[in-house]
C-alpha atoms as a PDB file:
ATOM      1  CA  MET A   1     -27.801  14.785  58.894  1.00  0.00           C
ATOM      2  CA  THR A   2     -31.204  13.655  58.351  1.00  0.00           C
ATOM      3  CA  LEU A   3     -32.305  11.216  55.582  1.00  0.00           C
ATOM      4  CA  ARG A   4     -34.765  14.270  54.318  1.00  0.00           C
ATOM      5  CA  SER A   5     -31.761  16.735  54.425  1.00  0.00           C
ATOM      6  CA  PHE A   6     -29.433  14.129  52.523  1.00  0.00           C
ATOM      7  CA  LEU A   7     -31.579  13.467  49.435  1.00  0.00           C
ATOM      8  CA  PRO A   8     -31.514  16.497  47.797  1.00  0.00           C
ATOM      9  CA  ALA A   9     -27.564  17.005  48.637  1.00  0.00           C
ATOM     10  CA  ALA A  10     -26.801  14.000  47.032  1.00  0.00           C
ATOM     11  CA  ALA A  11     -28.970  14.823  44.022  1.00  0.00           C
ATOM     12  CA  LEU A  12     -27.324  18.116  43.770  1.00  0.00           C
ATOM     13  CA  LEU A  13     -24.163  16.499  43.636  1.00  0.00           C
ATOM     14  CA  LEU A  14     -25.077  13.720  41.245  1.00  0.00           C
ATOM     15  CA  THR A  15     -26.407  16.645  39.048  1.00  0.00           C
ATOM     16  CA  THR A  16     -23.248  18.391  39.103  1.00  0.00           C
ATOM     17  CA  ALA A  17     -20.946  15.403  38.413  1.00  0.00           C
ATOM     18  CA  ALA A  18     -23.092  14.464  35.521  1.00  0.00           C
ATOM     19  CA  THR A  19     -22.858  18.033  34.202  1.00  0.00           C
ATOM     20  CA  HIS A  20     -19.354  17.826  34.371  1.00  0.00           C
ATOM     21  CA  SER A  21     -19.044  14.775  32.880  1.00  0.00           C
ATOM     22  CA  ALA A  22     -21.055  15.692  29.863  1.00  0.00           C
ATOM     23  CA  LEU A  23     -18.780  19.037  29.377  1.00  0.00           C
ATOM     24  CA  ALA A  24     -15.866  16.601  29.466  1.00  0.00           C
ATOM     25  CA  GLN A  25     -17.066  14.342  26.743  1.00  0.00           C
ATOM     26  CA  SER A  26     -18.315  17.100  24.913  1.00  0.00           C
ATOM     27  CA  ALA A  27     -14.885  18.775  24.676  1.00  0.00           C
ATOM     28  CA  ALA A  28     -13.272  15.807  23.992  1.00  0.00           C
ATOM     29  CA  GLY A  29     -15.880  14.252  21.699  1.00  0.00           C
ATOM     30  CA  PRO A  30     -16.151  14.437  17.720  1.00  0.00           C
ATOM     31  CA  GLU A  31     -19.114  17.245  17.879  1.00  0.00           C
ATOM     32  CA  ARG A  32     -15.859  19.715  18.613  1.00  0.00           C
ATOM     33  CA  ARG A  33     -14.052  18.535  15.664  1.00  0.00           C
ATOM     34  CA  PRO A  34     -14.254  20.817  12.495  1.00  0.00           C
ATOM     35  CA  ARG A  35     -17.240  19.970  10.675  1.00  0.00           C
ATOM     36  CA  HIS A  36     -17.520  19.018   6.653  1.00  0.00           C
ATOM     37  CA  TYR A  37     -20.379  18.081   4.331  1.00  0.00           C
ATOM     38  CA  ASP A  38     -20.970  16.275   1.416  1.00  0.00           C
ATOM     39  CA  LYS A  39     -22.804  17.714  -1.573  1.00  0.00           C
ATOM     40  CA  GLN A  40     -25.847  15.930   0.217  1.00  0.00           C
ATOM     41  CA  GLY A  41     -25.212  18.228   3.216  1.00  0.00           C
ATOM     42  CA  ARG A  42     -24.495  15.023   5.367  1.00  0.00           C
ATOM     43  CA  LEU A  43     -22.279  15.687   7.956  1.00  0.00           C
ATOM     44  CA  TYR A  44     -18.925  13.841   8.352  1.00  0.00           C
ATOM     45  CA  TYR A  45     -15.327  14.404   9.984  1.00  0.00           C
ATOM     46  CA  LYS A  46     -11.736  14.212   8.336  1.00  0.00           C
ATOM     47  CA  GLY A  47      -9.676  11.063   9.606  1.00  0.00           C
ATOM     48  CA  PRO A  48      -8.720   9.354  11.379  1.00  0.00           C
ATOM     49  CA  VAL A  49      -4.908   8.658  10.692  1.00  0.00           C
ATOM     50  CA  ARG A  50      -4.072   4.390  10.108  1.00  0.00           C
ATOM     51  CA  PHE A  51      -0.658   3.211   9.706  1.00  0.00           C
ATOM     52  CA  THR A  52      -0.564   0.330   7.649  1.00  0.00           C
ATOM     53  CA  LEU A  53       1.988  -2.848   7.538  1.00  0.00           C
ATOM     54  CA  GLY A  54       1.790  -5.241   4.779  1.00  0.00           C
ATOM     55  CA  GLY A  55       3.297  -8.315   3.390  1.00  0.00           C
ATOM     56  CA  GLY A  56       3.200 -10.663   0.454  1.00  0.00           C
ATOM     57  CA  VAL A  57       4.962 -11.202  -2.993  1.00  0.00           C
ATOM     58  CA  GLY A  58       6.296  -9.172  -6.132  1.00  0.00           C
ATOM     59  CA  TYR A  59       5.980 -10.166  -9.598  1.00  0.00           C
ATOM     60  CA  TYR A  60       7.702  -8.865 -12.804  1.00  0.00           C
ATOM     61  CA  ASN A  61       6.533  -8.204 -16.183  1.00  0.00           C
ATOM     62  CA  GLY A  62       8.906  -7.273 -18.782  1.00  0.00           C
ATOM     63  CA  ASP A  63      11.341  -8.178 -21.792  1.00  0.00           C
ATOM     64  CA  LEU A  64      12.062 -11.974 -20.501  1.00  0.00           C
ATOM     65  CA  THR A  65       8.304 -13.109 -19.778  1.00  0.00           C
ATOM     66  CA  SER A  66       4.919 -12.102 -18.773  1.00  0.00           C
ATOM     67  CA  SER A  67       4.115 -15.569 -17.770  1.00  0.00           C
ATOM     68  CA  LEU A  68       3.848 -16.590 -13.903  1.00  0.00           C
ATOM     69  CA  GLY A  69       5.191 -20.062 -14.729  1.00  0.00           C
ATOM     70  CA  ASP A  70       8.666 -18.334 -15.566  1.00  0.00           C
ATOM     71  CA  GLN A  71       8.579 -16.312 -12.311  1.00  0.00           C
ATOM     72  CA  PHE A  72      10.753 -15.970  -9.341  1.00  0.00           C
ATOM     73  CA  LEU A  73       8.347 -14.705  -7.109  1.00  0.00           C
ATOM     74  CA  GLY A  74       9.837 -12.717  -4.129  1.00  0.00           C
ATOM     75  CA  PRO A  75       9.002 -11.210  -1.055  1.00  0.00           C
ATOM     76  CA  SER A  76       6.801  -7.540  -1.000  1.00  0.00           C
ATOM     77  CA  LEU A  77       6.904  -5.866   2.074  1.00  0.00           C
ATOM     78  CA  SER A  78       5.201  -2.522   2.943  1.00  0.00           C
ATOM     79  CA  ALA A  79       4.516   0.400   5.480  1.00  0.00           C
ATOM     80  CA  GLY A  80       2.456   3.728   5.218  1.00  0.00           C
ATOM     81  CA  LEU A  81      -0.016   5.956   6.161  1.00  0.00           C
ATOM     82  CA  LEU A  82      -3.592   6.747   5.288  1.00  0.00           C
ATOM     83  CA  TYR A  83      -5.797   9.581   6.176  1.00  0.00           C
ATOM     84  CA  GLN A  84      -9.681   9.924   5.145  1.00  0.00           C
ATOM     85  CA  PHE A  85     -10.375  13.270   3.685  1.00  0.00           C
ATOM     86  CA  HIS A  86     -13.593  12.584   2.547  1.00  0.00           C
ATOM     87  CA  PRO A  87     -16.402   9.342   3.333  1.00  0.00           C
ATOM     88  CA  HIS A  88     -15.363   7.996  -0.079  1.00  0.00           C
ATOM     89  CA  TRP A  89     -11.495   9.057  -0.392  1.00  0.00           C
ATOM     90  CA  GLN A  90      -8.393   8.784   1.439  1.00  0.00           C
ATOM     91  CA  VAL A  91      -4.975  10.064   0.672  1.00  0.00           C
ATOM     92  CA  GLY A  92      -1.799   8.004   1.964  1.00  0.00           C
ATOM     93  CA  SER A  93       2.284   7.457   1.334  1.00  0.00           C
ATOM     94  CA  GLU A  94       4.180   4.186   1.425  1.00  0.00           C
ATOM     95  CA  VAL A  95       7.585   2.691   1.359  1.00  0.00           C
ATOM     96  CA  SER A  96       7.751  -0.706   0.218  1.00  0.00           C
ATOM     97  CA  TYR A  97      10.785  -3.378  -0.594  1.00  0.00           C
ATOM     98  CA  LEU A  98      10.218  -6.188  -3.095  1.00  0.00           C
ATOM     99  CA  GLN A  99      12.256  -8.585  -4.746  1.00  0.00           C
ATOM    100  CA  ILE A 100      11.364  -9.889  -8.278  1.00  0.00           C
ATOM    101  CA  GLY A 101      13.237 -12.266 -10.631  1.00  0.00           C
ATOM    102  CA  ALA A 102      12.512 -14.738 -13.581  1.00  0.00           C
ATOM    103  CA  LYS A 103      13.649 -16.659 -16.408  1.00  0.00           C
ATOM    104  CA  ASP A 104      13.639 -16.140 -20.070  1.00  0.00           C
ATOM    105  CA  TYR A 105      10.597 -17.577 -22.011  1.00  0.00           C
ATOM    106  CA  LEU A 106      12.987 -17.985 -25.128  1.00  0.00           C
ATOM    107  CA  PRO A 107      15.066 -21.447 -24.447  1.00  0.00           C
ATOM    108  CA  SER A 108      17.475 -19.906 -27.165  1.00  0.00           C
ATOM    109  CA  ARG A 109      18.215 -16.914 -25.567  1.00  0.00           C
ATOM    110  CA  GLY A 110      18.521 -18.567 -21.742  1.00  0.00           C
ATOM    111  CA  LEU A 111      18.606 -15.467 -19.877  1.00  0.00           C
ATOM    112  CA  ALA A 112      17.249 -14.847 -16.490  1.00  0.00           C
ATOM    113  CA  PHE A 113      17.984 -12.214 -13.689  1.00  0.00           C
ATOM    114  CA  ARG A 114      17.120 -11.298  -9.987  1.00  0.00           C
ATOM    115  CA  GLY A 115      16.337  -7.434  -8.594  1.00  0.00           C
ATOM    116  CA  ASN A 116      15.898  -5.873  -5.504  1.00  0.00           C
ATOM    117  CA  ASN A 117      13.513  -2.733  -5.521  1.00  0.00           C
ATOM    118  CA  ALA A 118      12.802   0.099  -2.796  1.00  0.00           C
ATOM    119  CA  VAL A 119       9.924   2.081  -3.611  1.00  0.00           C
ATOM    120  CA  GLY A 120       8.337   5.120  -2.320  1.00  0.00           C
ATOM    121  CA  THR A 121       4.694   6.190  -3.298  1.00  0.00           C
ATOM    122  CA  ALA A 122       1.968   8.644  -2.467  1.00  0.00           C
ATOM    123  CA  PHE A 123      -1.616   7.723  -3.901  1.00  0.00           C
ATOM    124  CA  VAL A 124      -5.439   8.185  -3.296  1.00  0.00           C
ATOM    125  CA  ARG A 125      -8.077   5.568  -2.742  1.00  0.00           C
ATOM    126  CA  TRP A 126     -11.628   5.743  -3.573  1.00  0.00           C
ATOM    127  CA  GLU A 127     -14.243   3.555  -1.812  1.00  0.00           C
ATOM    128  CA  PRO A 128     -17.093   3.510  -4.292  1.00  0.00           C
ATOM    129  CA  LEU A 129     -19.942   2.153  -1.699  1.00  0.00           C
ATOM    130  CA  ARG A 130     -20.973   4.585   1.055  1.00  0.00           C
ATOM    131  CA  ASP A 131     -20.091   3.687   4.498  1.00  0.00           C
ATOM    132  CA  PRO A 132     -22.317   4.908   7.400  1.00  0.00           C
ATOM    133  CA  GLY A 133     -19.322   4.706   9.491  1.00  0.00           C
ATOM    134  CA  ALA A 134     -17.553   7.816   7.772  1.00  0.00           C
ATOM    135  CA  TYR A 135     -20.262   9.963   8.734  1.00  0.00           C
ATOM    136  CA  SER A 136     -21.385  11.268  12.213  1.00  0.00           C
ATOM    137  CA  LEU A 137     -22.822   7.794  13.189  1.00  0.00           C
ATOM    138  CA  PRO A 138     -21.973   5.407  15.912  1.00  0.00           C
ATOM    139  CA  ALA A 139     -19.028   3.305  14.945  1.00  0.00           C
ATOM    140  CA  GLY A 140     -20.973   0.005  15.256  1.00  0.00           C
ATOM    141  CA  GLN A 141     -22.922   1.310  11.849  1.00  0.00           C
ATOM    142  CA  SER A 142     -19.503   1.276   9.874  1.00  0.00           C
ATOM    143  CA  SER A 143     -19.312  -1.137   6.915  1.00  0.00           C
ATOM    144  CA  ILE A 144     -17.600  -4.598   7.568  1.00  0.00           C
ATOM    145  CA  ILE A 145     -16.322  -5.200   3.811  1.00  0.00           C
ATOM    146  CA  LYS A 146     -15.344  -2.104   1.281  1.00  0.00           C
ATOM    147  CA  PRO A 147     -13.761  -2.608  -1.695  1.00  0.00           C
ATOM    148  CA  TYR A 148     -11.531   0.190  -3.105  1.00  0.00           C
ATOM    149  CA  PHE A 149      -9.588   1.741  -6.113  1.00  0.00           C
ATOM    150  CA  LYS A 150      -6.271   3.260  -6.022  1.00  0.00           C
ATOM    151  CA  THR A 151      -3.653   5.318  -8.096  1.00  0.00           C
ATOM    152  CA  GLY A 152      -0.791   7.243  -7.293  1.00  0.00           C
ATOM    153  CA  VAL A 153       2.915   8.023  -8.578  1.00  0.00           C
ATOM    154  CA  GLY A 154       6.206   7.571  -7.069  1.00  0.00           C
ATOM    155  CA  LEU A 155       9.805   6.580  -7.421  1.00  0.00           C
ATOM    156  CA  ALA A 156      11.734   3.230  -7.528  1.00  0.00           C
ATOM    157  CA  LEU A 157      15.339   2.582  -6.767  1.00  0.00           C
ATOM    158  CA  TYR A 158      15.953  -0.696  -8.560  1.00  0.00           C
ATOM    159  CA  SER A 159      19.096  -2.935  -8.935  1.00  0.00           C
ATOM    160  CA  PRO A 160      19.359  -5.863 -10.852  1.00  0.00           C
ATOM    161  CA  LYS A 161      21.639  -8.598 -11.958  1.00  0.00           C
ATOM    162  CA  ALA A 162      20.980 -10.859 -15.040  1.00  0.00           C
ATOM    163  CA  TYR A 163      22.567 -14.238 -15.924  1.00  0.00           C
ATOM    164  CA  ARG A 164      22.278 -17.448 -18.048  1.00  0.00           C
ATOM    165  CA  GLY A 165      20.395 -19.997 -16.630  1.00  0.00           C
ATOM    166  CA  THR A 166      16.701 -21.336 -15.435  1.00  0.00           C
ATOM    167  CA  GLN A 167      17.169 -21.507 -11.725  1.00  0.00           C
ATOM    168  CA  ARG A 168      16.588 -19.045  -9.023  1.00  0.00           C
ATOM    169  CA  PRO A 169      19.759 -18.015  -7.491  1.00  0.00           C
ATOM    170  CA  SER A 170      19.865 -19.453  -3.375  1.00  0.00           C
ATOM    171  CA  GLY A 171      22.492 -20.929  -1.293  1.00  0.00           C
ATOM    172  CA  ASN A 172      22.933 -24.088  -3.390  1.00  0.00           C
ATOM    173  CA  PHE A 173      23.287 -22.031  -7.086  1.00  0.00           C
ATOM    174  CA  THR A 174      25.047 -19.167  -7.283  1.00  0.00           C
ATOM    175  CA  PRO A 175      24.977 -18.034 -11.006  1.00  0.00           C
ATOM    176  CA  ALA A 176      27.752 -15.894 -12.631  1.00  0.00           C
ATOM    177  CA  TYR A 177      26.496 -12.945 -13.427  1.00  0.00           C
ATOM    178  CA  LEU A 178      26.671 -10.935 -16.748  1.00  0.00           C
ATOM    179  CA  GLU A 179      28.420  -7.484 -17.218  1.00  0.00           C
ATOM    180  CA  PRO A 180      25.541  -4.985 -16.068  1.00  0.00           C
ATOM    181  CA  GLU A 181      24.293  -2.630 -19.001  1.00  0.00           C
ATOM    182  CA  ARG A 182      25.063   0.423 -16.643  1.00  0.00           C
ATOM    183  CA  PHE A 183      27.368   1.120 -14.101  1.00  0.00           C
ATOM    184  CA  ASP A 184      25.057   3.521 -11.570  1.00  0.00           C
ATOM    185  CA  TYR A 185      22.837   0.725 -10.171  1.00  0.00           C
ATOM    186  CA  PRO A 186      20.518   1.091  -8.239  1.00  0.00           C
ATOM    187  CA  ALA A 187      19.142   3.306 -10.626  1.00  0.00           C
ATOM    188  CA  LEU A 188      15.874   5.576 -10.095  1.00  0.00           C
ATOM    189  CA  ALA A 189      12.992   5.184 -12.036  1.00  0.00           C
ATOM    190  CA  LEU A 190       9.179   6.853 -11.859  1.00  0.00           C
ATOM    191  CA  VAL A 191       6.962   4.611 -11.234  1.00  0.00           C
ATOM    192  CA  LEU A 192       2.685   4.671 -11.428  1.00  0.00           C
ATOM    193  CA  PRO A 193       0.574   2.176  -9.330  1.00  0.00           C
ATOM    194  CA  ILE A 194      -2.785   1.184 -10.123  1.00  0.00           C
ATOM    195  CA  GLY A 195      -4.399  -0.922  -7.530  1.00  0.00           C
ATOM    196  CA  VAL A 196      -7.595  -2.816  -5.950  1.00  0.00           C
ATOM    197  CA  GLY A 197      -8.520  -4.000  -2.777  1.00  0.00           C
ATOM    198  CA  VAL A 198     -10.651  -5.046  -0.064  1.00  0.00           C
ATOM    199  CA  THR A 199     -10.815  -3.576   3.520  1.00  0.00           C
ATOM    200  CA  VAL A 200     -12.436  -6.096   6.515  1.00  0.00           C
ATOM    201  CA  ARG A 201     -13.089  -3.902   9.690  1.00  0.00           C
ATOM    202  CA  LEU A 202     -11.967  -6.240  12.593  1.00  0.00           C
ATOM    203  CA  THR A 203     -12.468  -3.419  15.254  1.00  0.00           C
ATOM    204  CA  SER A 204     -13.182   0.181  15.182  1.00  0.00           C
ATOM    205  CA  ARG A 205      -9.167   0.685  15.119  1.00  0.00           C
ATOM    206  CA  LEU A 206      -7.977  -1.845  13.446  1.00  0.00           C
ATOM    207  CA  ASN A 207      -8.639  -3.007   9.396  1.00  0.00           C
ATOM    208  CA  ALA A 208      -7.210  -5.868   7.518  1.00  0.00           C
ATOM    209  CA  THR A 209      -6.815  -5.343   3.676  1.00  0.00           C
ATOM    210  CA  ILE A 210      -5.634  -7.481   0.327  1.00  0.00           C
ATOM    211  CA  GLU A 211      -4.547  -5.693  -2.021  1.00  0.00           C
ATOM    212  CA  GLY A 212      -3.256  -6.030  -5.663  1.00  0.00           C
ATOM    213  CA  SER A 213      -1.133  -3.387  -7.385  1.00  0.00           C
ATOM    214  CA  TYR A 214       0.371  -2.919 -10.874  1.00  0.00           C
ATOM    215  CA  SER A 215       3.095  -0.286 -11.227  1.00  0.00           C
ATOM    216  CA  LEU A 216       4.172   1.067 -14.474  1.00  0.00           C
ATOM    217  CA  THR A 217       7.935   1.940 -14.715  1.00  0.00           C
ATOM    218  CA  THR A 218       9.927   4.476 -16.808  1.00  0.00           C
ATOM    219  CA  THR A 219      12.733   2.184 -17.299  1.00  0.00           C
ATOM    220  CA  ASP A 220      13.482  -0.919 -19.750  1.00  0.00           C
ATOM    221  CA  GLN A 221      16.228  -1.997 -16.972  1.00  0.00           C
ATOM    222  CA  LEU A 222      14.276  -3.434 -14.392  1.00  0.00           C
ATOM    223  CA  ASP A 223      15.967  -6.565 -15.261  1.00  0.00           C
ATOM    224  CA  ASP A 224      19.082  -5.325 -16.664  1.00  0.00           C
ATOM    225  CA  ILE A 225      17.909  -6.512 -19.859  1.00  0.00           C
ATOM    226  CA  SER A 226      16.963  -4.246 -22.573  1.00  0.00           C
ATOM    227  CA  THR A 227      18.374  -2.940 -26.322  1.00  0.00           C
ATOM    228  CA  VAL A 228      21.375  -1.188 -24.950  1.00  0.00           C
ATOM    229  CA  PRO A 229      24.515  -2.771 -26.285  1.00  0.00           C
ATOM    230  CA  SER A 230      26.365  -4.751 -23.774  1.00  0.00           C
ATOM    231  CA  PRO A 231      29.546  -7.121 -23.680  1.00  0.00           C
ATOM    232  CA  GLY A 232      28.604 -10.262 -25.964  1.00  0.00           C
ATOM    233  CA  PHE A 233      25.247  -8.808 -26.684  1.00  0.00           C
ATOM    234  CA  ASP A 234      26.298  -5.973 -29.843  1.00  0.00           C
ATOM    235  CA  ALA A 235      22.504  -5.365 -30.518  1.00  0.00           C
ATOM    236  CA  GLY A 236      21.588  -5.617 -26.830  1.00  0.00           C
ATOM    237  CA  ARG A 237      20.007  -8.408 -24.881  1.00  0.00           C
ATOM    238  CA  SER A 238      16.271  -7.544 -25.918  1.00  0.00           C
ATOM    239  CA  ALA A 239      15.202  -6.500 -28.993  1.00  0.00           C
ATOM    240  CA  SER A 240      12.058  -5.092 -27.379  1.00  0.00           C
ATOM    241  CA  PRO A 241      11.906  -1.183 -26.448  1.00  0.00           C
ATOM    242  CA  LEU A 242       8.820  -1.877 -24.280  1.00  0.00           C
ATOM    243  CA  ASN A 243       9.481  -0.714 -20.241  1.00  0.00           C
ATOM    244  CA  ASP A 244       9.234  -3.396 -17.905  1.00  0.00           C
ATOM    245  CA  ASN A 245       6.734  -3.467 -15.133  1.00  0.00           C
ATOM    246  CA  TYR A 246       6.055  -5.209 -11.611  1.00  0.00           C
ATOM    247  CA  GLY A 247       3.318  -6.176  -9.420  1.00  0.00           C
ATOM    248  CA  GLN A 248       2.365  -6.505  -5.636  1.00  0.00           C
ATOM    249  CA  LEU A 249       0.256  -8.899  -3.682  1.00  0.00           C
ATOM    250  CA  GLU A 250      -0.109  -7.918  -0.359  1.00  0.00           C
ATOM    251  CA  LEU A 251      -2.034  -8.660   2.986  1.00  0.00           C
ATOM    252  CA  LYS A 252      -1.991  -5.215   4.847  1.00  0.00           C
ATOM    253  CA  LEU A 253      -3.125  -4.197   8.648  1.00  0.00           C
ATOM    254  CA  GLU A 254      -4.168  -0.840   8.974  1.00  0.00           C
ATOM    255  CA  TYR A 255      -4.411   0.386  12.522  1.00  0.00           C
ATOM    256  CA  ALA A 256      -5.779   3.931  13.731  1.00  0.00           C
ATOM    257  CA  PRO A 257      -4.427   4.408  17.270  1.00  0.00           C
ATOM    258  CA  TRP A 258      -6.363   7.585  17.518  1.00  0.00           C
ATOM    259  CA  ALA A 259      -9.563   6.672  16.283  1.00  0.00           C
ATOM    260  CA  ARG A 260     -12.855   7.489  18.153  1.00  0.00           C
END
């Protein structure tokens, strides 16, 4: 084969290979995914799915105290899923474990408690700022920092233990726990979480998030201290009829294994 005959054959081979490569990329590329348009007619694609894992602290607000100085801060751990269904909106679900506790702000009452809680929630997240990366643009144009707000609903399985004292239970201190106000612990309560956070894009697949949330509950016994009469407390351990609430402050990682 002469050089003159080889060059056209090589050019044909390269053209064919490039065509096949372009077709393969087209079949796997985002343009083959369902297209969606916002109110301004801008094209975007839904997704990706992100897995989340977080850790931080849990804190309490109830009959005993609302002061940070009275808290027995405990660990807060979470894992969940996120899915982007609109450039400004995400939907997700999460399971978490947190330990909370506190001492009484009233020395005359002298109560304290520690509780273990398992929580499952479903929520929506709203990002107020426009992120170019949420539209059909190169991933490199995505925003580095994105604030968001979240709200949702869920169920908490709570199991508290109340006692007299001012110290946190530890290996050196095991309190004499009081008779529980109810005998069906762990008990269920409805929770309504509200939160804010900031997401930082580390790579196209990995984000880091700092998030603070506060959850309203439907129970006054998150601390096993309420108006319910119990042994030694004819009028109940507390005079407040208000429900107990809790909060979480966590650092989270969000990983999208199928991000494009």
